Amino acid sequence: MPETPQVISAIQCHHYGGEAVRRRATAVCHELLEPGGLYVTFENIRPDTAQGVKVSLDRWLRFQREAGRTPQAVEDHRSRFDRNYFPITVAEHLQLLRATGFTVVEIFWLSQMQAGFYAVK
């Protein structure tokens, strides 16, 4: 009977620290896996351009207002971007996973400002 591959998941947790924290957290996940192990992560992402950031945040904030959040709650949430959480682009996520040593690195889901990635050690 084949051995079940090891899986580590990290869901919406590596965007709160800066670059060094994200790099170290990803490296720890890599170190914990056996060869052939699978790393799955979902993260907030940064659009590639400043205009893309504006469009995406405006869309997200419009959704929040339509969902009944107060104007102050919506603005408080918006002000977190690049102050309390630090998303990186899809390309930067892929590069980080490759630089960490994963042999297979792929994106498997993308919606607005969130993406899912998988990587194999």
PDB file of N, CA and C in Angstrom:
ATOM      1  N   MET A   1       0.842  -1.183   0.000  1.00  0.00           N
ATOM      2  CA  MET A   1       0.000   0.000   0.000  1.00  0.00           C
ATOM      3  C   MET A   1       0.883   1.241   0.000  1.00  0.00           C
ATOM      4  N   PRO A   2       0.652   2.196  -0.935  1.00  0.00           N
ATOM      5  CA  PRO A   2       1.492   3.399  -0.984  1.00  0.00           C
ATOM      6  C   PRO A   2       1.275   4.274   0.250  1.00  0.00           C
ATOM      7  N   GLU A   3       2.340   4.908   0.643  1.00  0.00           N
ATOM      8  CA  GLU A   3       2.280   5.811   1.776  1.00  0.00           C
ATOM      9  C   GLU A   3       1.521   7.078   1.395  1.00  0.00           C
ATOM     10  N   THR A   4       0.695   7.592   2.294  1.00  0.00           N
ATOM     11  CA  THR A   4      -0.047   8.830   2.056  1.00  0.00           C
ATOM     12  C   THR A   4       0.915  10.004   2.166  1.00  0.00           C
ATOM     13  N   PRO A   5       0.910  10.898   1.177  1.00  0.00           N
ATOM     14  CA  PRO A   5       1.827  12.041   1.262  1.00  0.00           C
ATOM     15  C   PRO A   5       1.462  12.973   2.417  1.00  0.00           C
ATOM     16  N   GLN A   6       2.453  13.577   2.957  1.00  0.00           N
ATOM     17  CA  GLN A   6       2.303  14.572   4.001  1.00  0.00           C
ATOM     18  C   GLN A   6       1.705  15.841   3.408  1.00  0.00           C
ATOM     19  N   VAL A   7       0.846  16.532   4.173  1.00  0.00           N
ATOM     20  CA  VAL A   7       0.250  17.791   3.717  1.00  0.00           C
ATOM     21  C   VAL A   7       0.345  18.810   4.838  1.00  0.00           C
ATOM     22  N   ILE A   8       0.780  20.007   4.496  1.00  0.00           N
ATOM     23  CA  ILE A   8       0.743  21.150   5.405  1.00  0.00           C
ATOM     24  C   ILE A   8      -0.095  22.214   4.723  1.00  0.00           C
ATOM     25  N   SER A   9      -1.026  22.803   5.468  1.00  0.00           N
ATOM     26  CA  SER A   9      -1.811  23.905   4.924  1.00  0.00           C
ATOM     27  C   SER A   9      -1.590  25.157   5.761  1.00  0.00           C
ATOM     28  N   ALA A  10      -1.616  26.287   5.093  1.00  0.00           N
ATOM     29  CA  ALA A  10      -1.486  27.592   5.747  1.00  0.00           C
ATOM     30  C   ALA A  10      -2.526  28.493   5.098  1.00  0.00           C
ATOM     31  N   ILE A  11      -3.581  28.777   5.818  1.00  0.00           N
ATOM     32  CA  ILE A  11      -4.709  29.493   5.248  1.00  0.00           C
ATOM     33  C   ILE A  11      -4.791  30.905   5.835  1.00  0.00           C
ATOM     34  N   GLN A  12      -4.551  31.884   4.981  1.00  0.00           N
ATOM     35  CA  GLN A  12      -4.683  33.293   5.348  1.00  0.00           C
ATOM     36  C   GLN A  12      -3.869  33.664   6.587  1.00  0.00           C
ATOM     37  N   CYS A  13      -2.624  33.217   6.650  1.00  0.00           N
ATOM     38  CA  CYS A  13      -1.829  33.537   7.838  1.00  0.00           C
ATOM     39  C   CYS A  13      -0.469  34.157   7.532  1.00  0.00           C
ATOM     40  N   HIS A  14       0.021  34.074   6.322  1.00  0.00           N
ATOM     41  CA  HIS A  14       1.371  34.576   6.041  1.00  0.00           C
ATOM     42  C   HIS A  14       1.390  36.010   5.508  1.00  0.00           C
ATOM     43  N   HIS A  15       0.260  36.683   5.454  1.00  0.00           N
ATOM     44  CA  HIS A  15       0.250  38.051   4.945  1.00  0.00           C
ATOM     45  C   HIS A  15       0.297  39.100   6.061  1.00  0.00           C
ATOM     46  N   TYR A  16       0.373  38.662   7.306  1.00  0.00           N
ATOM     47  CA  TYR A  16       0.402  39.621   8.411  1.00  0.00           C
ATOM     48  C   TYR A  16       1.797  40.110   8.747  1.00  0.00           C
ATOM     49  N   GLY A  17       2.808  39.347   8.431  1.00  0.00           N
ATOM     50  CA  GLY A  17       4.170  39.782   8.687  1.00  0.00           C
ATOM     51  C   GLY A  17       4.771  40.382   7.429  1.00  0.00           C
ATOM     52  N   GLY A  18       5.876  40.994   7.579  1.00  0.00           N
ATOM     53  CA  GLY A  18       6.584  41.528   6.423  1.00  0.00           C
ATOM     54  C   GLY A  18       7.302  40.428   5.664  1.00  0.00           C
ATOM     55  N   GLU A  19       8.178  40.826   4.779  1.00  0.00           N
ATOM     56  CA  GLU A  19       8.875  39.891   3.886  1.00  0.00           C
ATOM     57  C   GLU A  19       9.664  38.827   4.646  1.00  0.00           C
ATOM     58  N   ALA A  20      10.424  39.237   5.651  1.00  0.00           N
ATOM     59  CA  ALA A  20      11.260  38.272   6.383  1.00  0.00           C
ATOM     60  C   ALA A  20      10.406  37.246   7.123  1.00  0.00           C
ATOM     61  N   VAL A  21       9.312  37.678   7.715  1.00  0.00           N
ATOM     62  CA  VAL A  21       8.419  36.763   8.435  1.00  0.00           C
ATOM     63  C   VAL A  21       7.788  35.779   7.459  1.00  0.00           C
ATOM     64  N   ARG A  22       7.326  36.280   6.316  1.00  0.00           N
ATOM     65  CA  ARG A  22       6.713  35.409   5.306  1.00  0.00           C
ATOM     66  C   ARG A  22       7.718  34.391   4.780  1.00  0.00           C
ATOM     67  N   ARG A  23       8.924  34.841   4.509  1.00  0.00           N
ATOM     68  CA  ARG A  23       9.972  33.942   3.996  1.00  0.00           C
ATOM     69  C   ARG A  23      10.290  32.850   5.017  1.00  0.00           C
ATOM     70  N   ARG A  24      10.404  33.231   6.286  1.00  0.00           N
ATOM     71  CA  ARG A  24      10.724  32.254   7.331  1.00  0.00           C
ATOM     72  C   ARG A  24       9.568  31.272   7.534  1.00  0.00           C
ATOM     73  N   ALA A  25       8.337  31.756   7.555  1.00  0.00           N
ATOM     74  CA  ALA A  25       7.183  30.874   7.747  1.00  0.00           C
ATOM     75  C   ALA A  25       7.089  29.865   6.610  1.00  0.00           C
ATOM     76  N   THR A  26       7.337  30.297   5.397  1.00  0.00           N
ATOM     77  CA  THR A  26       7.306  29.398   4.243  1.00  0.00           C
ATOM     78  C   THR A  26       8.441  28.383   4.342  1.00  0.00           C
ATOM     79  N   ALA A  27       9.610  28.826   4.771  1.00  0.00           N
ATOM     80  CA  ALA A  27      10.748  27.916   4.924  1.00  0.00           C
ATOM     81  C   ALA A  27      10.466  26.852   5.986  1.00  0.00           C
ATOM     82  N   VAL A  28       9.817  27.239   7.067  1.00  0.00           N
ATOM     83  CA  VAL A  28       9.480  26.266   8.116  1.00  0.00           C
ATOM     84  C   VAL A  28       8.532  25.210   7.554  1.00  0.00           C
ATOM     85  N   CYS A  29       7.532  25.634   6.789  1.00  0.00           N
ATOM     86  CA  CYS A  29       6.615  24.663   6.175  1.00  0.00           C
ATOM     87  C   CYS A  29       7.388  23.703   5.278  1.00  0.00           C
ATOM     88  N   HIS A  30       8.325  24.232   4.493  1.00  0.00           N
ATOM     89  CA  HIS A  30       9.144  23.395   3.604  1.00  0.00           C
ATOM     90  C   HIS A  30       9.979  22.409   4.423  1.00  0.00           C
ATOM     91  N   GLU A  31      10.620  22.914   5.482  1.00  0.00           N
ATOM     92  CA  GLU A  31      11.484  22.067   6.315  1.00  0.00           C
ATOM     93  C   GLU A  31      10.708  20.924   6.967  1.00  0.00           C
ATOM     94  N   LEU A  32       9.461  21.151   7.330  1.00  0.00           N
ATOM     95  CA  LEU A  32       8.659  20.138   8.017  1.00  0.00           C
ATOM     96  C   LEU A  32       8.197  19.010   7.102  1.00  0.00           C
ATOM     97  N   LEU A  33       8.167  19.266   5.808  1.00  0.00           N
ATOM     98  CA  LEU A  33       7.676  18.264   4.853  1.00  0.00           C
ATOM     99  C   LEU A  33       8.760  17.259   4.474  1.00  0.00           C
ATOM    100  N   GLU A  34       8.346  16.029   4.271  1.00  0.00           N
ATOM    101  CA  GLU A  34       9.212  15.002   3.690  1.00  0.00           C
ATOM    102  C   GLU A  34       9.236  15.226   2.175  1.00  0.00           C
ATOM    103  N   PRO A  35      10.233  14.714   1.463  1.00  0.00           N
ATOM    104  CA  PRO A  35      10.213  14.802  -0.007  1.00  0.00           C
ATOM    105  C   PRO A  35       8.897  14.230  -0.554  1.00  0.00           C
ATOM    106  N   GLY A  36       8.298  14.948  -1.480  1.00  0.00           N
ATOM    107  CA  GLY A  36       7.003  14.560  -2.034  1.00  0.00           C
ATOM    108  C   GLY A  36       5.824  15.116  -1.261  1.00  0.00           C
ATOM    109  N   GLY A  37       6.092  15.748  -0.107  1.00  0.00           N
ATOM    110  CA  GLY A  37       5.021  16.338   0.702  1.00  0.00           C
ATOM    111  C   GLY A  37       4.403  17.543   0.002  1.00  0.00           C
ATOM    112  N   LEU A  38       3.168  17.831   0.346  1.00  0.00           N
ATOM    113  CA  LEU A  38       2.382  18.873  -0.313  1.00  0.00           C
ATOM    114  C   LEU A  38       2.130  20.036   0.630  1.00  0.00           C
ATOM    115  N   TYR A  39       2.374  21.226   0.143  1.00  0.00           N
ATOM    116  CA  TYR A  39       2.088  22.463   0.877  1.00  0.00           C
ATOM    117  C   TYR A  39       0.963  23.182   0.140  1.00  0.00           C
ATOM    118  N   VAL A  40      -0.098  23.515   0.856  1.00  0.00           N
ATOM    119  CA  VAL A  40      -1.242  24.219   0.282  1.00  0.00           C
ATOM    120  C   VAL A  40      -1.434  25.508   1.064  1.00  0.00           C
ATOM    121  N   THR A  41      -1.528  26.619   0.352  1.00  0.00           N
ATOM    122  CA  THR A  41      -1.735  27.897   1.020  1.00  0.00           C
ATOM    123  C   THR A  41      -2.728  28.749   0.245  1.00  0.00           C
ATOM    124  N   PHE A  42      -3.564  29.429   0.979  1.00  0.00           N
ATOM    125  CA  PHE A  42      -4.477  30.435   0.437  1.00  0.00           C
ATOM    126  C   PHE A  42      -4.094  31.748   1.089  1.00  0.00           C
ATOM    127  N   GLU A  43      -3.946  32.789   0.288  1.00  0.00           N
ATOM    128  CA  GLU A  43      -3.534  34.077   0.820  1.00  0.00           C
ATOM    129  C   GLU A  43      -4.242  35.229   0.120  1.00  0.00           C
ATOM    130  N   ASN A  44      -4.301  36.348   0.838  1.00  0.00           N
ATOM    131  CA  ASN A  44      -4.670  37.596   0.189  1.00  0.00           C
ATOM    132  C   ASN A  44      -3.537  37.940  -0.765  1.00  0.00           C
ATOM    133  N   ILE A  45      -3.882  38.523  -1.882  1.00  0.00           N
ATOM    134  CA  ILE A  45      -2.855  38.896  -2.851  1.00  0.00           C
ATOM    135  C   ILE A  45      -2.969  40.368  -3.207  1.00  0.00           C
ATOM    136  N   ARG A  46      -1.870  40.888  -3.700  1.00  0.00           N
ATOM    137  CA  ARG A  46      -1.812  42.277  -4.166  1.00  0.00           C
ATOM    138  C   ARG A  46      -1.951  42.261  -5.682  1.00  0.00           C
ATOM    139  N   PRO A  47      -2.869  43.050  -6.225  1.00  0.00           N
ATOM    140  CA  PRO A  47      -2.892  43.193  -7.679  1.00  0.00           C
ATOM    141  C   PRO A  47      -1.550  43.739  -8.179  1.00  0.00           C
ATOM    142  N   ASP A  48      -1.291  43.570  -9.452  1.00  0.00           N
ATOM    143  CA  ASP A  48       0.014  43.929 -10.016  1.00  0.00           C
ATOM    144  C   ASP A  48       0.260  45.431 -10.132  1.00  0.00           C
ATOM    145  N   THR A  49      -0.787  46.239 -10.174  1.00  0.00           N
ATOM    146  CA  THR A  49      -0.617  47.683 -10.373  1.00  0.00           C
ATOM    147  C   THR A  49      -1.334  48.466  -9.281  1.00  0.00           C
ATOM    148  N   ALA A  50      -0.940  49.714  -9.111  1.00  0.00           N
ATOM    149  CA  ALA A  50      -1.608  50.587  -8.142  1.00  0.00           C
ATOM    150  C   ALA A  50      -3.079  50.765  -8.513  1.00  0.00           C
ATOM    151  N   GLN A  51      -3.365  50.896  -9.786  1.00  0.00           N
ATOM    152  CA  GLN A  51      -4.758  51.026 -10.222  1.00  0.00           C
ATOM    153  C   GLN A  51      -5.526  49.736  -9.927  1.00  0.00           C
ATOM    154  N   GLY A  52      -4.871  48.592 -10.118  1.00  0.00           N
ATOM    155  CA  GLY A  52      -5.500  47.317  -9.793  1.00  0.00           C
ATOM    156  C   GLY A  52      -5.833  47.209  -8.316  1.00  0.00           C
ATOM    157  N   VAL A  53      -4.951  47.711  -7.462  1.00  0.00           N
ATOM    158  CA  VAL A  53      -5.212  47.721  -6.014  1.00  0.00           C
ATOM    159  C   VAL A  53      -6.444  48.567  -5.734  1.00  0.00           C
ATOM    160  N   LYS A  54      -6.500  49.756  -6.327  1.00  0.00           N
ATOM    161  CA  LYS A  54      -7.639  50.651  -6.106  1.00  0.00           C
ATOM    162  C   LYS A  54      -8.945  50.016  -6.563  1.00  0.00           C
ATOM    163  N   VAL A  55      -8.953  49.476  -7.757  1.00  0.00           N
ATOM    164  CA  VAL A  55     -10.167  48.842  -8.290  1.00  0.00           C
ATOM    165  C   VAL A  55     -10.612  47.689  -7.390  1.00  0.00           C
ATOM    166  N   SER A  56      -9.671  46.853  -6.984  1.00  0.00           N
ATOM    167  CA  SER A  56     -10.009  45.690  -6.158  1.00  0.00           C
ATOM    168  C   SER A  56     -10.498  46.090  -4.775  1.00  0.00           C
ATOM    169  N   LEU A  57      -9.826  47.061  -4.142  1.00  0.00           N
ATOM    170  CA  LEU A  57     -10.281  47.512  -2.825  1.00  0.00           C
ATOM    171  C   LEU A  57     -11.641  48.183  -2.925  1.00  0.00           C
ATOM    172  N   ASP A  58     -11.854  48.998  -3.939  1.00  0.00           N
ATOM    173  CA  ASP A  58     -13.154  49.648  -4.116  1.00  0.00           C
ATOM    174  C   ASP A  58     -14.263  48.614  -4.283  1.00  0.00           C
ATOM    175  N   ARG A  59     -13.988  47.584  -5.038  1.00  0.00           N
ATOM    176  CA  ARG A  59     -14.976  46.520  -5.242  1.00  0.00           C
ATOM    177  C   ARG A  59     -15.276  45.798  -3.926  1.00  0.00           C
ATOM    178  N   TRP A  60     -14.249  45.480  -3.160  1.00  0.00           N
ATOM    179  CA  TRP A  60     -14.415  44.809  -1.872  1.00  0.00           C
ATOM    180  C   TRP A  60     -15.193  45.691  -0.894  1.00  0.00           C
ATOM    181  N   LEU A  61     -14.881  46.969  -0.886  1.00  0.00           N
ATOM    182  CA  LEU A  61     -15.560  47.878   0.038  1.00  0.00           C
ATOM    183  C   LEU A  61     -17.022  48.076  -0.358  1.00  0.00           C
ATOM    184  N   ARG A  62     -17.299  48.121  -1.644  1.00  0.00           N
ATOM    185  CA  ARG A  62     -18.682  48.216  -2.112  1.00  0.00           C
ATOM    186  C   ARG A  62     -19.480  46.989  -1.640  1.00  0.00           C
ATOM    187  N   PHE A  63     -18.866  45.821  -1.737  1.00  0.00           N
ATOM    188  CA  PHE A  63     -19.509  44.589  -1.257  1.00  0.00           C
ATOM    189  C   PHE A  63     -19.818  44.697   0.235  1.00  0.00           C
ATOM    190  N   GLN A  64     -18.877  45.201   1.009  1.00  0.00           N
ATOM    191  CA  GLN A  64     -19.084  45.321   2.452  1.00  0.00           C
ATOM    192  C   GLN A  64     -20.230  46.278   2.773  1.00  0.00           C
ATOM    193  N   ARG A  65     -20.275  47.418   2.063  1.00  0.00           N
ATOM    194  CA  ARG A  65     -21.374  48.376   2.283  1.00  0.00           C
ATOM    195  C   ARG A  65     -22.718  47.730   1.947  1.00  0.00           C
ATOM    196  N   GLU A  66     -22.762  47.022   0.830  1.00  0.00           N
ATOM    197  CA  GLU A  66     -24.006  46.360   0.425  1.00  0.00           C
ATOM    198  C   GLU A  66     -24.405  45.258   1.403  1.00  0.00           C
ATOM    199  N   ALA A  67     -23.432  44.715   2.119  1.00  0.00           N
ATOM    200  CA  ALA A  67     -23.706  43.688   3.113  1.00  0.00           C
ATOM    201  C   ALA A  67     -24.131  44.293   4.456  1.00  0.00           C
ATOM    202  N   GLY A  68     -24.176  45.627   4.541  1.00  0.00           N
ATOM    203  CA  GLY A  68     -24.693  46.287   5.733  1.00  0.00           C
ATOM    204  C   GLY A  68     -23.668  46.785   6.723  1.00  0.00           C
ATOM    205  N   ARG A  69     -22.393  46.717   6.386  1.00  0.00           N
ATOM    206  CA  ARG A  69     -21.381  47.250   7.306  1.00  0.00           C
ATOM    207  C   ARG A  69     -21.465  48.771   7.328  1.00  0.00           C
ATOM    208  N   THR A  70     -21.131  49.339   8.464  1.00  0.00           N
ATOM    209  CA  THR A  70     -21.190  50.795   8.601  1.00  0.00           C
ATOM    210  C   THR A  70     -20.058  51.434   7.801  1.00  0.00           C
ATOM    211  N   PRO A  71     -20.238  52.705   7.400  1.00  0.00           N
ATOM    212  CA  PRO A  71     -19.149  53.383   6.680  1.00  0.00           C
ATOM    213  C   PRO A  71     -17.835  53.374   7.468  1.00  0.00           C
ATOM    214  N   GLN A  72     -17.895  53.536   8.785  1.00  0.00           N
ATOM    215  CA  GLN A  72     -16.674  53.528   9.598  1.00  0.00           C
ATOM    216  C   GLN A  72     -16.023  52.153   9.586  1.00  0.00           C
ATOM    217  N   ALA A  73     -16.807  51.098   9.703  1.00  0.00           N
ATOM    218  CA  ALA A  73     -16.252  49.743   9.672  1.00  0.00           C
ATOM    219  C   ALA A  73     -15.608  49.458   8.325  1.00  0.00           C
ATOM    220  N   VAL A  74     -16.232  49.928   7.260  1.00  0.00           N
ATOM    221  CA  VAL A  74     -15.675  49.737   5.917  1.00  0.00           C
ATOM    222  C   VAL A  74     -14.343  50.471   5.787  1.00  0.00           C
ATOM    223  N   GLU A  75     -14.294  51.710   6.253  1.00  0.00           N
ATOM    224  CA  GLU A  75     -13.051  52.483   6.154  1.00  0.00           C
ATOM    225  C   GLU A  75     -11.964  51.891   7.049  1.00  0.00           C
ATOM    226  N   ASP A  76     -12.326  51.436   8.236  1.00  0.00           N
ATOM    227  CA  ASP A  76     -11.352  50.793   9.131  1.00  0.00           C
ATOM    228  C   ASP A  76     -10.752  49.566   8.442  1.00  0.00           C
ATOM    229  N   HIS A  77     -11.583  48.811   7.749  1.00  0.00           N
ATOM    230  CA  HIS A  77     -11.105  47.617   7.059  1.00  0.00           C
ATOM    231  C   HIS A  77     -10.161  48.002   5.921  1.00  0.00           C
ATOM    232  N   ARG A  78     -10.512  49.024   5.162  1.00  0.00           N
ATOM    233  CA  ARG A  78      -9.673  49.473   4.049  1.00  0.00           C
ATOM    234  C   ARG A  78      -8.306  49.934   4.537  1.00  0.00           C
ATOM    235  N   SER A  79      -8.285  50.613   5.654  1.00  0.00           N
ATOM    236  CA  SER A  79      -7.025  51.190   6.148  1.00  0.00           C
ATOM    237  C   SER A  79      -6.029  50.126   6.605  1.00  0.00           C
ATOM    238  N   ARG A  80      -6.461  48.879   6.724  1.00  0.00           N
ATOM    239  CA  ARG A  80      -5.558  47.792   7.115  1.00  0.00           C
ATOM    240  C   ARG A  80      -4.553  47.444   6.018  1.00  0.00           C
ATOM    241  N   PHE A  81      -4.917  47.680   4.770  1.00  0.00           N
ATOM    242  CA  PHE A  81      -4.084  47.290   3.631  1.00  0.00           C
ATOM    243  C   PHE A  81      -2.726  48.002   3.709  1.00  0.00           C
ATOM    244  N   ASP A  82      -1.661  47.232   3.723  1.00  0.00           N
ATOM    245  CA  ASP A  82      -0.277  47.713   3.834  1.00  0.00           C
ATOM    246  C   ASP A  82       0.045  48.347   5.179  1.00  0.00           C
ATOM    247  N   ARG A  83      -0.856  48.223   6.134  1.00  0.00           N
ATOM    248  CA  ARG A  83      -0.581  48.701   7.482  1.00  0.00           C
ATOM    249  C   ARG A  83      -0.647  47.550   8.482  1.00  0.00           C
ATOM    250  N   ASN A  84      -1.685  46.731   8.384  1.00  0.00           N
ATOM    251  CA  ASN A  84      -1.843  45.581   9.269  1.00  0.00           C
ATOM    252  C   ASN A  84      -1.667  44.254   8.550  1.00  0.00           C
ATOM    253  N   TYR A  85      -1.791  44.266   7.260  1.00  0.00           N
ATOM    254  CA  TYR A  85      -1.499  43.072   6.480  1.00  0.00           C
ATOM    255  C   TYR A  85      -0.838  43.500   5.182  1.00  0.00           C
ATOM    256  N   PHE A  86       0.012  42.608   4.662  1.00  0.00           N
ATOM    257  CA  PHE A  86       0.939  42.979   3.597  1.00  0.00           C
ATOM    258  C   PHE A  86       0.912  41.942   2.480  1.00  0.00           C
ATOM    259  N   PRO A  87      -0.108  41.998   1.635  1.00  0.00           N
ATOM    260  CA  PRO A  87      -0.194  41.006   0.561  1.00  0.00           C
ATOM    261  C   PRO A  87       0.885  41.225  -0.495  1.00  0.00           C
ATOM    262  N   ILE A  88       1.248  40.126  -1.162  1.00  0.00           N
ATOM    263  CA  ILE A  88       2.195  40.197  -2.270  1.00  0.00           C
ATOM    264  C   ILE A  88       1.493  39.690  -3.529  1.00  0.00           C
ATOM    265  N   THR A  89       2.082  39.942  -4.667  1.00  0.00           N
ATOM    266  CA  THR A  89       1.478  39.547  -5.933  1.00  0.00           C
ATOM    267  C   THR A  89       1.549  38.032  -6.133  1.00  0.00           C
ATOM    268  N   VAL A  90       0.763  37.546  -7.076  1.00  0.00           N
ATOM    269  CA  VAL A  90       0.806  36.127  -7.432  1.00  0.00           C
ATOM    270  C   VAL A  90       2.222  35.736  -7.839  1.00  0.00           C
ATOM    271  N   ALA A  91       2.852  36.561  -8.693  1.00  0.00           N
ATOM    272  CA  ALA A  91       4.215  36.266  -9.149  1.00  0.00           C
ATOM    273  C   ALA A  91       5.186  36.176  -7.967  1.00  0.00           C
ATOM    274  N   GLU A  92       5.035  37.058  -6.986  1.00  0.00           N
ATOM    275  CA  GLU A  92       5.909  37.024  -5.811  1.00  0.00           C
ATOM    276  C   GLU A  92       5.667  35.769  -4.974  1.00  0.00           C
ATOM    277  N   HIS A  93       4.408  35.339  -4.865  1.00  0.00           N
ATOM    278  CA  HIS A  93       4.122  34.085  -4.155  1.00  0.00           C
ATOM    279  C   HIS A  93       4.815  32.911  -4.843  1.00  0.00           C
ATOM    280  N   LEU A  94       4.670  32.833  -6.159  1.00  0.00           N
ATOM    281  CA  LEU A  94       5.273  31.731  -6.904  1.00  0.00           C
ATOM    282  C   LEU A  94       6.793  31.748  -6.768  1.00  0.00           C
ATOM    283  N   GLN A  95       7.387  32.935  -6.861  1.00  0.00           N
ATOM    284  CA  GLN A  95       8.839  33.065  -6.732  1.00  0.00           C
ATOM    285  C   GLN A  95       9.304  32.652  -5.347  1.00  0.00           C
ATOM    286  N   LEU A  96       8.575  33.053  -4.315  1.00  0.00           N
ATOM    287  CA  LEU A  96       8.926  32.693  -2.939  1.00  0.00           C
ATOM    288  C   LEU A  96       8.915  31.176  -2.754  1.00  0.00           C
ATOM    289  N   LEU A  97       7.887  30.522  -3.257  1.00  0.00           N
ATOM    290  CA  LEU A  97       7.800  29.069  -3.120  1.00  0.00           C
ATOM    291  C   LEU A  97       8.946  28.382  -3.847  1.00  0.00           C
ATOM    292  N   ARG A  98       9.287  28.854  -5.032  1.00  0.00           N
ATOM    293  CA  ARG A  98      10.409  28.267  -5.778  1.00  0.00           C
ATOM    294  C   ARG A  98      11.729  28.512  -5.053  1.00  0.00           C
ATOM    295  N   ALA A  99      11.921  29.741  -4.575  1.00  0.00           N
ATOM    296  CA  ALA A  99      13.169  30.087  -3.886  1.00  0.00           C
ATOM    297  C   ALA A  99      13.330  29.293  -2.591  1.00  0.00           C
ATOM    298  N   THR A 100      12.221  28.909  -1.984  1.00  0.00           N
ATOM    299  CA  THR A 100      12.263  28.128  -0.752  1.00  0.00           C
ATOM    300  C   THR A 100      12.716  26.700  -1.019  1.00  0.00           C
ATOM    301  N   GLY A 101      12.556  26.243  -2.261  1.00  0.00           N
ATOM    302  CA  GLY A 101      13.035  24.910  -2.608  1.00  0.00           C
ATOM    303  C   GLY A 101      11.968  23.932  -3.059  1.00  0.00           C
ATOM    304  N   PHE A 102      10.727  24.388  -3.172  1.00  0.00           N
ATOM    305  CA  PHE A 102       9.690  23.495  -3.661  1.00  0.00           C
ATOM    306  C   PHE A 102       9.956  23.166  -5.127  1.00  0.00           C
ATOM    307  N   THR A 103       9.719  21.914  -5.502  1.00  0.00           N
ATOM    308  CA  THR A 103      10.034  21.469  -6.870  1.00  0.00           C
ATOM    309  C   THR A 103       8.876  21.669  -7.839  1.00  0.00           C
ATOM    310  N   VAL A 104       7.662  21.644  -7.335  1.00  0.00           N
ATOM    311  CA  VAL A 104       6.468  21.917  -8.131  1.00  0.00           C
ATOM    312  C   VAL A 104       5.759  23.080  -7.454  1.00  0.00           C
ATOM    313  N   VAL A 105       5.463  24.128  -8.197  1.00  0.00           N
ATOM    314  CA  VAL A 105       4.811  25.318  -7.648  1.00  0.00           C
ATOM    315  C   VAL A 105       3.720  25.743  -8.621  1.00  0.00           C
ATOM    316  N   GLU A 106       2.491  25.786  -8.131  1.00  0.00           N
ATOM    317  CA  GLU A 106       1.359  26.108  -9.006  1.00  0.00           C
ATOM    318  C   GLU A 106       0.318  26.949  -8.273  1.00  0.00           C
ATOM    319  N   ILE A 107      -0.414  27.720  -9.055  1.00  0.00           N
ATOM    320  CA  ILE A 107      -1.607  28.404  -8.556  1.00  0.00           C
ATOM    321  C   ILE A 107      -2.788  27.559  -9.008  1.00  0.00           C
ATOM    322  N   PHE A 108      -3.740  27.309  -8.102  1.00  0.00           N
ATOM    323  CA  PHE A 108      -4.893  26.507  -8.508  1.00  0.00           C
ATOM    324  C   PHE A 108      -6.222  27.210  -8.297  1.00  0.00           C
ATOM    325  N   TRP A 109      -6.206  28.413  -7.722  1.00  0.00           N
ATOM    326  CA  TRP A 109      -7.449  29.152  -7.537  1.00  0.00           C
ATOM    327  C   TRP A 109      -7.120  30.631  -7.414  1.00  0.00           C
ATOM    328  N   LEU A 110      -7.955  31.482  -8.013  1.00  0.00           N
ATOM    329  CA  LEU A 110      -7.755  32.930  -7.948  1.00  0.00           C
ATOM    330  C   LEU A 110      -9.112  33.605  -8.029  1.00  0.00           C
ATOM    331  N   SER A 111      -9.375  34.509  -7.105  1.00  0.00           N
ATOM    332  CA  SER A 111     -10.615  35.276  -7.115  1.00  0.00           C
ATOM    333  C   SER A 111     -10.345  36.624  -6.464  1.00  0.00           C
ATOM    334  N   GLN A 112     -10.507  37.665  -7.243  1.00  0.00           N
ATOM    335  CA  GLN A 112     -10.276  39.026  -6.749  1.00  0.00           C
ATOM    336  C   GLN A 112      -8.912  39.141  -6.076  1.00  0.00           C
ATOM    337  N   MET A 113      -8.889  39.365  -4.768  1.00  0.00           N
ATOM    338  CA  MET A 113      -7.634  39.591  -4.056  1.00  0.00           C
ATOM    339  C   MET A 113      -7.259  38.401  -3.175  1.00  0.00           C
ATOM    340  N   GLN A 114      -7.600  37.192  -3.606  1.00  0.00           N
ATOM    341  CA  GLN A 114      -7.203  35.987  -2.893  1.00  0.00           C
ATOM    342  C   GLN A 114      -6.799  34.926  -3.904  1.00  0.00           C
ATOM    343  N   ALA A 115      -5.865  34.080  -3.495  1.00  0.00           N
ATOM    344  CA  ALA A 115      -5.403  33.012  -4.387  1.00  0.00           C
ATOM    345  C   ALA A 115      -5.020  31.799  -3.559  1.00  0.00           C
ATOM    346  N   GLY A 116      -5.103  30.643  -4.211  1.00  0.00           N
ATOM    347  CA  GLY A 116      -4.677  29.387  -3.623  1.00  0.00           C
ATOM    348  C   GLY A 116      -3.497  28.834  -4.401  1.00  0.00           C
ATOM    349  N   PHE A 117      -2.504  28.359  -3.702  1.00  0.00           N
ATOM    350  CA  PHE A 117      -1.290  27.820  -4.309  1.00  0.00           C
ATOM    351  C   PHE A 117      -1.026  26.436  -3.744  1.00  0.00           C
ATOM    352  N   TYR A 118      -0.362  25.597  -4.515  1.00  0.00           N
ATOM    353  CA  TYR A 118       0.152  24.355  -3.961  1.00  0.00           C
ATOM    354  C   TYR A 118       1.587  24.193  -4.423  1.00  0.00           C
ATOM    355  N   ALA A 119       2.350  23.497  -3.598  1.00  0.00           N
ATOM    356  CA  ALA A 119       3.758  23.273  -3.882  1.00  0.00           C
ATOM    357  C   ALA A 119       4.153  21.896  -3.355  1.00  0.00           C
ATOM    358  N   VAL A 120       5.019  21.234  -4.070  1.00  0.00           N
ATOM    359  CA  VAL A 120       5.486  19.907  -3.670  1.00  0.00           C
ATOM    360  C   VAL A 120       6.984  19.996  -3.363  1.00  0.00           C
ATOM    361  N   LYS A 121       7.348  19.383  -2.233  1.00  0.00           N
ATOM    362  CA  LYS A 121       8.762  19.365  -1.859  1.00  0.00           C
ATOM    363  C   LYS A 121       9.468  18.267  -2.632  1.00  0.00           C
TER     364      LYS A 121
END
